[in-house]
Amino acid sequence: MTKGKSDRSYGIHVARLAGLPEEIISRATEILGTLESSRSTPAEAAATGENWGFPELAQKTGLSKSPGETLEAKVIGRLRDLDVLNLTPLEAINQLHQLRQALEK
């Protein structure tokens, strides 16, 4: 391991290892491709309210029920609150598990 940024994202690979449904992984792959080909970052897209096409996920998780806040902004907010540099691998897996449970409700 080296200090600094990675040259690519491993989130989709981790999601697959965590057992997220293939439909979500496929959609994430599409979104990643779009983001990589555009200039906007996920944070910029969420800040501007750019729609990534998750209305059904928003309904399923209840994340869209807060007026004025997009699903993407809520998810990014939850991820920003995680202290990933100080999470143990087990804690990270537990966080993924909690997100997965929320998706299955």
PDB file of N, CA and C in Angstrom:
ATOM      1  N   MET A   1       0.835  -1.173   0.000  1.00  0.00           N
ATOM      2  CA  MET A   1       0.000   0.000   0.000  1.00  0.00           C
ATOM      3  C   MET A   1       0.881   1.238   0.000  1.00  0.00           C
ATOM      4  N   THR A   2       0.379   2.246  -0.668  1.00  0.00           N
ATOM      5  CA  THR A   2       1.073   3.521  -0.682  1.00  0.00           C
ATOM      6  C   THR A   2       0.113   4.615  -0.254  1.00  0.00           C
ATOM      7  N   LYS A   3       0.670   5.669   0.300  1.00  0.00           N
ATOM      8  CA  LYS A   3      -0.140   6.789   0.753  1.00  0.00           C
ATOM      9  C   LYS A   3      -0.654   7.566  -0.451  1.00  0.00           C
ATOM     10  N   GLY A   4      -1.885   8.038  -0.340  1.00  0.00           N
ATOM     11  CA  GLY A   4      -2.446   8.873  -1.396  1.00  0.00           C
ATOM     12  C   GLY A   4      -3.657   8.246  -2.041  1.00  0.00           C
ATOM     13  N   LYS A   5      -4.106   8.896  -3.105  1.00  0.00           N
ATOM     14  CA  LYS A   5      -5.304   8.456  -3.816  1.00  0.00           C
ATOM     15  C   LYS A   5      -5.039   7.210  -4.647  1.00  0.00           C
ATOM     16  N   SER A   6      -6.102   6.495  -4.875  1.00  0.00           N
ATOM     17  CA  SER A   6      -6.058   5.367  -5.797  1.00  0.00           C
ATOM     18  C   SER A   6      -6.295   5.903  -7.200  1.00  0.00           C
ATOM     19  N   ASP A   7      -5.798   5.195  -8.188  1.00  0.00           N
ATOM     20  CA  ASP A   7      -6.011   5.642  -9.564  1.00  0.00           C
ATOM     21  C   ASP A   7      -7.355   5.183 -10.108  1.00  0.00           C
ATOM     22  N   ARG A   8      -8.093   4.402  -9.319  1.00  0.00           N
ATOM     23  CA  ARG A   8      -9.422   3.961  -9.740  1.00  0.00           C
ATOM     24  C   ARG A   8     -10.276   3.619  -8.526  1.00  0.00           C
ATOM     25  N   SER A   9     -11.555   3.427  -8.771  1.00  0.00           N
ATOM     26  CA  SER A   9     -12.497   3.124  -7.702  1.00  0.00           C
ATOM     27  C   SER A   9     -12.645   1.610  -7.546  1.00  0.00           C
ATOM     28  N   TYR A  10     -12.700   1.167  -6.308  1.00  0.00           N
ATOM     29  CA  TYR A  10     -12.901  -0.254  -6.036  1.00  0.00           C
ATOM     30  C   TYR A  10     -14.260  -0.511  -5.389  1.00  0.00           C
ATOM     31  N   GLY A  11     -15.101   0.514  -5.326  1.00  0.00           N
ATOM     32  CA  GLY A  11     -16.399   0.403  -4.672  1.00  0.00           C
ATOM     33  C   GLY A  11     -17.303  -0.657  -5.276  1.00  0.00           C
ATOM     34  N   ILE A  12     -17.304  -0.755  -6.601  1.00  0.00           N
ATOM     35  CA  ILE A  12     -18.174  -1.739  -7.254  1.00  0.00           C
ATOM     36  C   ILE A  12     -17.689  -3.152  -6.942  1.00  0.00           C
ATOM     37  N   HIS A  13     -16.385  -3.338  -6.936  1.00  0.00           N
ATOM     38  CA  HIS A  13     -15.836  -4.656  -6.597  1.00  0.00           C
ATOM     39  C   HIS A  13     -16.204  -5.025  -5.153  1.00  0.00           C
ATOM     40  N   VAL A  14     -16.098  -4.061  -4.251  1.00  0.00           N
ATOM     41  CA  VAL A  14     -16.453  -4.304  -2.846  1.00  0.00           C
ATOM     42  C   VAL A  14     -17.945  -4.612  -2.720  1.00  0.00           C
ATOM     43  N   ALA A  15     -18.767  -3.895  -3.482  1.00  0.00           N
ATOM     44  CA  ALA A  15     -20.214  -4.147  -3.454  1.00  0.00           C
ATOM     45  C   ALA A  15     -20.522  -5.569  -3.910  1.00  0.00           C
ATOM     46  N   ARG A  16     -19.825  -6.024  -4.939  1.00  0.00           N
ATOM     47  CA  ARG A  16     -20.023  -7.396  -5.423  1.00  0.00           C
ATOM     48  C   ARG A  16     -19.613  -8.397  -4.334  1.00  0.00           C
ATOM     49  N   LEU A  17     -18.477  -8.143  -3.681  1.00  0.00           N
ATOM     50  CA  LEU A  17     -18.028  -9.026  -2.600  1.00  0.00           C
ATOM     51  C   LEU A  17     -19.017  -9.027  -1.431  1.00  0.00           C
ATOM     52  N   ALA A  18     -19.674  -7.875  -1.213  1.00  0.00           N
ATOM     53  CA  ALA A  18     -20.638  -7.766  -0.116  1.00  0.00           C
ATOM     54  C   ALA A  18     -21.959  -8.441  -0.446  1.00  0.00           C
ATOM     55  N   GLY A  19     -22.126  -8.850  -1.702  1.00  0.00           N
ATOM     56  CA  GLY A  19     -23.332  -9.568  -2.074  1.00  0.00           C
ATOM     57  C   GLY A  19     -24.507  -8.697  -2.480  1.00  0.00           C
ATOM     58  N   LEU A  20     -24.235  -7.448  -2.864  1.00  0.00           N
ATOM     59  CA  LEU A  20     -25.336  -6.600  -3.333  1.00  0.00           C
ATOM     60  C   LEU A  20     -25.925  -7.185  -4.607  1.00  0.00           C
ATOM     61  N   PRO A  21     -27.208  -6.944  -4.849  1.00  0.00           N
ATOM     62  CA  PRO A  21     -27.864  -7.504  -6.038  1.00  0.00           C
ATOM     63  C   PRO A  21     -27.185  -7.050  -7.333  1.00  0.00           C
ATOM     64  N   GLU A  22     -27.145  -7.948  -8.310  1.00  0.00           N
ATOM     65  CA  GLU A  22     -26.488  -7.666  -9.584  1.00  0.00           C
ATOM     66  C   GLU A  22     -27.107  -6.455 -10.279  1.00  0.00           C
ATOM     67  N   GLU A  23     -28.401  -6.229 -10.084  1.00  0.00           N
ATOM     68  CA  GLU A  23     -29.070  -5.063 -10.683  1.00  0.00           C
ATOM     69  C   GLU A  23     -28.424  -3.761 -10.199  1.00  0.00           C
ATOM     70  N   ILE A  24     -28.105  -3.690  -8.934  1.00  0.00           N
ATOM     71  CA  ILE A  24     -27.476  -2.496  -8.366  1.00  0.00           C
ATOM     72  C   ILE A  24     -26.051  -2.363  -8.877  1.00  0.00           C
ATOM     73  N   ILE A  25     -25.337  -3.470  -8.935  1.00  0.00           N
ATOM     74  CA  ILE A  25     -23.957  -3.437  -9.413  1.00  0.00           C
ATOM     75  C   ILE A  25     -23.905  -3.017 -10.876  1.00  0.00           C
ATOM     76  N   SER A  26     -24.829  -3.520 -11.682  1.00  0.00           N
ATOM     77  CA  SER A  26     -24.883  -3.136 -13.099  1.00  0.00           C
ATOM     78  C   SER A  26     -25.156  -1.647 -13.241  1.00  0.00           C
ATOM     79  N   ARG A  27     -26.112  -1.160 -12.450  1.00  0.00           N
ATOM     80  CA  ARG A  27     -26.440   0.272 -12.525  1.00  0.00           C
ATOM     81  C   ARG A  27     -25.261   1.113 -12.054  1.00  0.00           C
ATOM     82  N   ALA A  28     -24.577   0.683 -11.012  1.00  0.00           N
ATOM     83  CA  ALA A  28     -23.405   1.410 -10.518  1.00  0.00           C
ATOM     84  C   ALA A  28     -22.311   1.452 -11.580  1.00  0.00           C
ATOM     85  N   THR A  29     -22.151   0.351 -12.315  1.00  0.00           N
ATOM     86  CA  THR A  29     -21.163   0.309 -13.390  1.00  0.00           C
ATOM     87  C   THR A  29     -21.520   1.315 -14.481  1.00  0.00           C
ATOM     88  N   GLU A  30     -22.804   1.394 -14.820  1.00  0.00           N
ATOM     89  CA  GLU A  30     -23.259   2.384 -15.813  1.00  0.00           C
ATOM     90  C   GLU A  30     -22.967   3.800 -15.334  1.00  0.00           C
ATOM     91  N   ILE A  31     -23.305   4.067 -14.086  1.00  0.00           N
ATOM     92  CA  ILE A  31     -23.107   5.407 -13.531  1.00  0.00           C
ATOM     93  C   ILE A  31     -21.626   5.752 -13.499  1.00  0.00           C
ATOM     94  N   LEU A  32     -20.807   4.807 -13.086  1.00  0.00           N
ATOM     95  CA  LEU A  32     -19.371   5.046 -13.044  1.00  0.00           C
ATOM     96  C   LEU A  32     -18.842   5.391 -14.428  1.00  0.00           C
ATOM     97  N   GLY A  33     -19.295   4.658 -15.438  1.00  0.00           N
ATOM     98  CA  GLY A  33     -18.877   4.956 -16.807  1.00  0.00           C
ATOM     99  C   GLY A  33     -19.275   6.357 -17.224  1.00  0.00           C
ATOM    100  N   THR A  34     -20.496   6.747 -16.878  1.00  0.00           N
ATOM    101  CA  THR A  34     -20.970   8.097 -17.201  1.00  0.00           C
ATOM    102  C   THR A  34     -20.141   9.147 -16.477  1.00  0.00           C
ATOM    103  N   LEU A  35     -19.891   8.923 -15.203  1.00  0.00           N
ATOM    104  CA  LEU A  35     -19.116   9.888 -14.424  1.00  0.00           C
ATOM    105  C   LEU A  35     -17.683   9.987 -14.923  1.00  0.00           C
ATOM    106  N   GLU A  36     -17.097   8.858 -15.269  1.00  0.00           N
ATOM    107  CA  GLU A  36     -15.724   8.882 -15.757  1.00  0.00           C
ATOM    108  C   GLU A  36     -15.612   9.606 -17.092  1.00  0.00           C
ATOM    109  N   SER A  37     -16.686   9.577 -17.887  1.00  0.00           N
ATOM    110  CA  SER A  37     -16.641  10.250 -19.179  1.00  0.00           C
ATOM    111  C   SER A  37     -17.090  11.708 -19.087  1.00  0.00           C
ATOM    112  N   SER A  38     -17.655  12.107 -17.942  1.00  0.00           N
ATOM    113  CA  SER A  38     -18.073  13.503 -17.773  1.00  0.00           C
ATOM    114  C   SER A  38     -17.097  14.200 -16.842  1.00  0.00           C
ATOM    115  N   ARG A  39     -17.305  15.472 -16.677  1.00  0.00           N
ATOM    116  CA  ARG A  39     -16.417  16.236 -15.802  1.00  0.00           C
ATOM    117  C   ARG A  39     -16.908  16.299 -14.369  1.00  0.00           C
ATOM    118  N   SER A  40     -18.151  15.929 -14.140  1.00  0.00           N
ATOM    119  CA  SER A  40     -18.685  16.071 -12.787  1.00  0.00           C
ATOM    120  C   SER A  40     -18.275  14.898 -11.912  1.00  0.00           C
ATOM    121  N   THR A  41     -17.973  15.212 -10.666  1.00  0.00           N
ATOM    122  CA  THR A  41     -17.689  14.179  -9.679  1.00  0.00           C
ATOM    123  C   THR A  41     -19.011  13.785  -9.035  1.00  0.00           C
ATOM    124  N   PRO A  42     -19.070  12.656  -8.331  1.00  0.00           N
ATOM    125  CA  PRO A  42     -20.310  12.290  -7.653  1.00  0.00           C
ATOM    126  C   PRO A  42     -20.794  13.382  -6.700  1.00  0.00           C
ATOM    127  N   ALA A  43     -19.872  14.013  -5.981  1.00  0.00           N
ATOM    128  CA  ALA A  43     -20.261  15.072  -5.052  1.00  0.00           C
ATOM    129  C   ALA A  43     -20.840  16.267  -5.798  1.00  0.00           C
ATOM    130  N   GLU A  44     -20.219  16.647  -6.914  1.00  0.00           N
ATOM    131  CA  GLU A  44     -20.738  17.764  -7.712  1.00  0.00           C
ATOM    132  C   GLU A  44     -22.116  17.423  -8.264  1.00  0.00           C
ATOM    133  N   ALA A  45     -22.274  16.202  -8.731  1.00  0.00           N
ATOM    134  CA  ALA A  45     -23.562  15.785  -9.287  1.00  0.00           C
ATOM    135  C   ALA A  45     -24.647  15.849  -8.222  1.00  0.00           C
ATOM    136  N   ALA A  46     -24.343  15.387  -7.019  1.00  0.00           N
ATOM    137  CA  ALA A  46     -25.331  15.420  -5.938  1.00  0.00           C
ATOM    138  C   ALA A  46     -25.651  16.852  -5.532  1.00  0.00           C
ATOM    139  N   ALA A  47     -24.627  17.691  -5.495  1.00  0.00           N
ATOM    140  CA  ALA A  47     -24.834  19.082  -5.095  1.00  0.00           C
ATOM    141  C   ALA A  47     -25.718  19.834  -6.081  1.00  0.00           C
ATOM    142  N   THR A  48     -25.626  19.479  -7.350  1.00  0.00           N
ATOM    143  CA  THR A  48     -26.431  20.158  -8.365  1.00  0.00           C
ATOM    144  C   THR A  48     -27.761  19.468  -8.591  1.00  0.00           C
ATOM    145  N   GLY A  49     -28.006  18.354  -7.889  1.00  0.00           N
ATOM    146  CA  GLY A  49     -29.273  17.647  -8.029  1.00  0.00           C
ATOM    147  C   GLY A  49     -29.346  16.796  -9.277  1.00  0.00           C
ATOM    148  N   GLU A  50     -28.204  16.504  -9.877  1.00  0.00           N
ATOM    149  CA  GLU A  50     -28.185  15.666 -11.077  1.00  0.00           C
ATOM    150  C   GLU A  50     -28.826  14.318 -10.763  1.00  0.00           C
ATOM    151  N   ASN A  51     -29.706  13.861 -11.622  1.00  0.00           N
ATOM    152  CA  ASN A  51     -30.422  12.609 -11.392  1.00  0.00           C
ATOM    153  C   ASN A  51     -29.619  11.445 -11.943  1.00  0.00           C
ATOM    154  N   TRP A  52     -29.302  10.500 -11.091  1.00  0.00           N
ATOM    155  CA  TRP A  52     -28.578   9.310 -11.531  1.00  0.00           C
ATOM    156  C   TRP A  52     -29.522   8.155 -11.801  1.00  0.00           C
ATOM    157  N   GLY A  53     -30.815   8.365 -11.700  1.00  0.00           N
ATOM    158  CA  GLY A  53     -31.777   7.332 -12.049  1.00  0.00           C
ATOM    159  C   GLY A  53     -32.056   6.313 -10.974  1.00  0.00           C
ATOM    160  N   PHE A  54     -32.232   6.754  -9.743  1.00  0.00           N
ATOM    161  CA  PHE A  54     -32.509   5.838  -8.647  1.00  0.00           C
ATOM    162  C   PHE A  54     -33.879   6.037  -8.013  1.00  0.00           C
ATOM    163  N   PRO A  55     -34.924   6.433  -8.744  1.00  0.00           N
ATOM    164  CA  PRO A  55     -36.196   6.699  -8.063  1.00  0.00           C
ATOM    165  C   PRO A  55     -36.766   5.486  -7.352  1.00  0.00           C
ATOM    166  N   GLU A  56     -36.639   4.297  -7.959  1.00  0.00           N
ATOM    167  CA  GLU A  56     -37.183   3.099  -7.318  1.00  0.00           C
ATOM    168  C   GLU A  56     -36.405   2.740  -6.067  1.00  0.00           C
ATOM    169  N   LEU A  57     -35.112   2.985  -6.069  1.00  0.00           N
ATOM    170  CA  LEU A  57     -34.294   2.728  -4.892  1.00  0.00           C
ATOM    171  C   LEU A  57     -34.659   3.715  -3.787  1.00  0.00           C
ATOM    172  N   ALA A  58     -34.936   4.946  -4.154  1.00  0.00           N
ATOM    173  CA  ALA A  58     -35.316   5.955  -3.171  1.00  0.00           C
ATOM    174  C   ALA A  58     -36.606   5.549  -2.470  1.00  0.00           C
ATOM    175  N   GLN A  59     -37.570   5.043  -3.236  1.00  0.00           N
ATOM    176  CA  GLN A  59     -38.823   4.610  -2.626  1.00  0.00           C
ATOM    177  C   GLN A  59     -38.604   3.404  -1.727  1.00  0.00           C
ATOM    178  N   LYS A  60     -37.795   2.468  -2.186  1.00  0.00           N
ATOM    179  CA  LYS A  60     -37.575   1.228  -1.440  1.00  0.00           C
ATOM    180  C   LYS A  60     -36.891   1.492  -0.101  1.00  0.00           C
ATOM    181  N   THR A  61     -35.931   2.410  -0.079  1.00  0.00           N
ATOM    182  CA  THR A  61     -35.177   2.669   1.142  1.00  0.00           C
ATOM    183  C   THR A  61     -35.783   3.755   2.002  1.00  0.00           C
ATOM    184  N   GLY A  62     -36.713   4.543   1.428  1.00  0.00           N
ATOM    185  CA  GLY A  62     -37.280   5.653   2.179  1.00  0.00           C
ATOM    186  C   GLY A  62     -36.365   6.851   2.243  1.00  0.00           C
ATOM    187  N   LEU A  63     -35.260   6.810   1.513  1.00  0.00           N
ATOM    188  CA  LEU A  63     -34.308   7.904   1.576  1.00  0.00           C
ATOM    189  C   LEU A  63     -34.810   9.167   0.892  1.00  0.00           C
ATOM    190  N   SER A  64     -35.829   9.060   0.060  1.00  0.00           N
ATOM    191  CA  SER A  64     -36.308  10.234  -0.665  1.00  0.00           C
ATOM    192  C   SER A  64     -37.395  10.987   0.086  1.00  0.00           C
ATOM    193  N   LYS A  65     -37.744  10.563   1.266  1.00  0.00           N
ATOM    194  CA  LYS A  65     -38.880  11.160   1.968  1.00  0.00           C
ATOM    195  C   LYS A  65     -38.577  12.522   2.571  1.00  0.00           C
ATOM    196  N   SER A  66     -37.319  12.892   2.625  1.00  0.00           N
ATOM    197  CA  SER A  66     -36.962  14.203   3.146  1.00  0.00           C
ATOM    198  C   SER A  66     -37.085  15.223   2.026  1.00  0.00           C
ATOM    199  N   PRO A  67     -38.008  16.195   2.156  1.00  0.00           N
ATOM    200  CA  PRO A  67     -38.222  17.142   1.068  1.00  0.00           C
ATOM    201  C   PRO A  67     -36.969  17.961   0.787  1.00  0.00           C
ATOM    202  N   GLY A  68     -36.694  18.164  -0.489  1.00  0.00           N
ATOM    203  CA  GLY A  68     -35.585  19.011  -0.898  1.00  0.00           C
ATOM    204  C   GLY A  68     -34.233  18.327  -0.920  1.00  0.00           C
ATOM    205  N   GLU A  69     -34.135  17.109  -0.463  1.00  0.00           N
ATOM    206  CA  GLU A  69     -32.847  16.427  -0.460  1.00  0.00           C
ATOM    207  C   GLU A  69     -32.935  15.209  -1.366  1.00  0.00           C
ATOM    208  N   THR A  70     -32.025  15.114  -2.317  1.00  0.00           N
ATOM    209  CA  THR A  70     -32.042  14.003  -3.258  1.00  0.00           C
ATOM    210  C   THR A  70     -31.497  12.742  -2.600  1.00  0.00           C
ATOM    211  N   LEU A  71     -31.838  11.617  -3.173  1.00  0.00           N
ATOM    212  CA  LEU A  71     -31.311  10.340  -2.688  1.00  0.00           C
ATOM    213  C   LEU A  71     -29.790  10.364  -2.703  1.00  0.00           C
ATOM    214  N   GLU A  72     -29.232  10.855  -3.797  1.00  0.00           N
ATOM    215  CA  GLU A  72     -27.781  10.884  -3.930  1.00  0.00           C
ATOM    216  C   GLU A  72     -27.141  11.716  -2.824  1.00  0.00           C
ATOM    217  N   ALA A  73     -27.744  12.856  -2.510  1.00  0.00           N
ATOM    218  CA  ALA A  73     -27.197  13.721  -1.464  1.00  0.00           C
ATOM    219  C   ALA A  73     -27.241  13.029  -0.103  1.00  0.00           C
ATOM    220  N   LYS A  74     -28.332  12.300   0.173  1.00  0.00           N
ATOM    221  CA  LYS A  74     -28.427  11.585   1.455  1.00  0.00           C
ATOM    222  C   LYS A  74     -27.379  10.477   1.542  1.00  0.00           C
ATOM    223  N   VAL A  75     -27.235   9.720   0.459  1.00  0.00           N
ATOM    224  CA  VAL A  75     -26.257   8.625   0.464  1.00  0.00           C
ATOM    225  C   VAL A  75     -24.852   9.182   0.618  1.00  0.00           C
ATOM    226  N   ILE A  76     -24.549  10.214  -0.142  1.00  0.00           N
ATOM    227  CA  ILE A  76     -23.220  10.818  -0.045  1.00  0.00           C
ATOM    228  C   ILE A  76     -22.999  11.374   1.353  1.00  0.00           C
ATOM    229  N   GLY A  77     -24.027  11.956   1.942  1.00  0.00           N
ATOM    230  CA  GLY A  77     -23.910  12.462   3.308  1.00  0.00           C
ATOM    231  C   GLY A  77     -23.601  11.358   4.302  1.00  0.00           C
ATOM    232  N   ARG A  78     -24.283  10.233   4.146  1.00  0.00           N
ATOM    233  CA  ARG A  78     -24.024   9.097   5.048  1.00  0.00           C
ATOM    234  C   ARG A  78     -22.607   8.574   4.858  1.00  0.00           C
ATOM    235  N   LEU A  79     -22.153   8.530   3.616  1.00  0.00           N
ATOM    236  CA  LEU A  79     -20.796   8.055   3.352  1.00  0.00           C
ATOM    237  C   LEU A  79     -19.754   9.040   3.871  1.00  0.00           C
ATOM    238  N   ARG A  80     -20.026  10.328   3.725  1.00  0.00           N
ATOM    239  CA  ARG A  80     -19.095  11.343   4.241  1.00  0.00           C
ATOM    240  C   ARG A  80     -18.943  11.244   5.751  1.00  0.00           C
ATOM    241  N   ASP A  81     -19.997  10.857   6.431  1.00  0.00           N
ATOM    242  CA  ASP A  81     -19.947  10.758   7.887  1.00  0.00           C
ATOM    243  C   ASP A  81     -19.102   9.583   8.373  1.00  0.00           C
ATOM    244  N   LEU A  82     -18.836   8.637   7.497  1.00  0.00           N
ATOM    245  CA  LEU A  82     -18.010   7.493   7.886  1.00  0.00           C
ATOM    246  C   LEU A  82     -16.546   7.916   7.986  1.00  0.00           C
ATOM    247  N   ASP A  83     -15.901   7.528   9.049  1.00  0.00           N
ATOM    248  CA  ASP A  83     -14.473   7.798   9.216  1.00  0.00           C
ATOM    249  C   ASP A  83     -13.706   6.604   8.650  1.00  0.00           C
ATOM    250  N   VAL A  84     -13.647   6.534   7.323  1.00  0.00           N
ATOM    251  CA  VAL A  84     -13.130   5.336   6.662  1.00  0.00           C
ATOM    252  C   VAL A  84     -11.667   5.055   6.980  1.00  0.00           C
ATOM    253  N   LEU A  85     -10.909   6.078   7.298  1.00  0.00           N
ATOM    254  CA  LEU A  85      -9.504   5.850   7.613  1.00  0.00           C
ATOM    255  C   LEU A  85      -9.320   5.172   8.963  1.00  0.00           C
ATOM    256  N   ASN A  86     -10.346   5.241   9.791  1.00  0.00           N
ATOM    257  CA  ASN A  86     -10.250   4.628  11.112  1.00  0.00           C
ATOM    258  C   ASN A  86     -11.190   3.447  11.303  1.00  0.00           C
ATOM    259  N   LEU A  87     -11.820   2.977  10.229  1.00  0.00           N
ATOM    260  CA  LEU A  87     -12.671   1.790  10.301  1.00  0.00           C
ATOM    261  C   LEU A  87     -11.811   0.540  10.170  1.00  0.00           C
ATOM    262  N   THR A  88     -12.110  -0.431  10.976  1.00  0.00           N
ATOM    263  CA  THR A  88     -11.467  -1.728  10.779  1.00  0.00           C
ATOM    264  C   THR A  88     -12.171  -2.419   9.613  1.00  0.00           C
ATOM    265  N   PRO A  89     -11.556  -3.424   9.019  1.00  0.00           N
ATOM    266  CA  PRO A  89     -12.255  -4.154   7.954  1.00  0.00           C
ATOM    267  C   PRO A  89     -13.608  -4.698   8.413  1.00  0.00           C
ATOM    268  N   LEU A  90     -13.687  -5.180   9.636  1.00  0.00           N
ATOM    269  CA  LEU A  90     -14.957  -5.701  10.150  1.00  0.00           C
ATOM    270  C   LEU A  90     -16.000  -4.593  10.262  1.00  0.00           C
ATOM    271  N   GLU A  91     -15.591  -3.430  10.753  1.00  0.00           N
ATOM    272  CA  GLU A  91     -16.528  -2.307  10.846  1.00  0.00           C
ATOM    273  C   GLU A  91     -17.009  -1.879   9.460  1.00  0.00           C
ATOM    274  N   ALA A  92     -16.110  -1.889   8.480  1.00  0.00           N
ATOM    275  CA  ALA A  92     -16.494  -1.530   7.114  1.00  0.00           C
ATOM    276  C   ALA A  92     -17.516  -2.523   6.565  1.00  0.00           C
ATOM    277  N   ILE A  93     -17.279  -3.803   6.808  1.00  0.00           N
ATOM    278  CA  ILE A  93     -18.223  -4.828   6.354  1.00  0.00           C
ATOM    279  C   ILE A  93     -19.570  -4.642   7.053  1.00  0.00           C
ATOM    280  N   ASN A  94     -19.541  -4.328   8.340  1.00  0.00           N
ATOM    281  CA  ASN A  94     -20.789  -4.093   9.072  1.00  0.00           C
ATOM    282  C   ASN A  94     -21.549  -2.899   8.504  1.00  0.00           C
ATOM    283  N   GLN A  95     -20.833  -1.848   8.135  1.00  0.00           N
ATOM    284  CA  GLN A  95     -21.485  -0.686   7.525  1.00  0.00           C
ATOM    285  C   GLN A  95     -22.141  -1.082   6.204  1.00  0.00           C
ATOM    286  N   LEU A  96     -21.432  -1.849   5.381  1.00  0.00           N
ATOM    287  CA  LEU A  96     -22.008  -2.326   4.119  1.00  0.00           C
ATOM    288  C   LEU A  96     -23.236  -3.192   4.374  1.00  0.00           C
ATOM    289  N   HIS A  97     -23.149  -4.025   5.393  1.00  0.00           N
ATOM    290  CA  HIS A  97     -24.281  -4.888   5.736  1.00  0.00           C
ATOM    291  C   HIS A  97     -25.505  -4.052   6.114  1.00  0.00           C
ATOM    292  N   GLN A  98     -25.298  -3.002   6.897  1.00  0.00           N
ATOM    293  CA  GLN A  98     -26.411  -2.136   7.287  1.00  0.00           C
ATOM    294  C   GLN A  98     -27.037  -1.469   6.067  1.00  0.00           C
ATOM    295  N   LEU A  99     -26.204  -1.017   5.127  1.00  0.00           N
ATOM    296  CA  LEU A  99     -26.742  -0.413   3.906  1.00  0.00           C
ATOM    297  C   LEU A  99     -27.525  -1.444   3.102  1.00  0.00           C
ATOM    298  N   ARG A 100     -27.003  -2.650   3.038  1.00  0.00           N
ATOM    299  CA  ARG A 100     -27.694  -3.711   2.303  1.00  0.00           C
ATOM    300  C   ARG A 100     -29.044  -4.024   2.946  1.00  0.00           C
ATOM    301  N   GLN A 101     -29.081  -4.102   4.271  1.00  0.00           N
ATOM    302  CA  GLN A 101     -30.344  -4.360   4.964  1.00  0.00           C
ATOM    303  C   GLN A 101     -31.358  -3.263   4.672  1.00  0.00           C
ATOM    304  N   ALA A 102     -30.907  -2.028   4.631  1.00  0.00           N
ATOM    305  CA  ALA A 102     -31.811  -0.915   4.328  1.00  0.00           C
ATOM    306  C   ALA A 102     -32.385  -1.063   2.925  1.00  0.00           C
ATOM    307  N   LEU A 103     -31.584  -1.568   1.995  1.00  0.00           N
ATOM    308  CA  LEU A 103     -32.051  -1.761   0.620  1.00  0.00           C
ATOM    309  C   LEU A 103     -33.074  -2.881   0.520  1.00  0.00           C
ATOM    310  N   GLU A 104     -32.976  -3.864   1.392  1.00  0.00           N
ATOM    311  CA  GLU A 104     -33.864  -5.023   1.323  1.00  0.00           C
ATOM    312  C   GLU A 104     -35.192  -4.799   2.037  1.00  0.00           C
ATOM    313  N   LYS A 105     -35.326  -3.705   2.771  1.00  0.00           N
ATOM    314  CA  LYS A 105     -36.575  -3.437   3.511  1.00  0.00           C
ATOM    315  C   LYS A 105     -37.668  -3.011   2.575  1.00  0.00           C
TER     316      LYS A 105
END
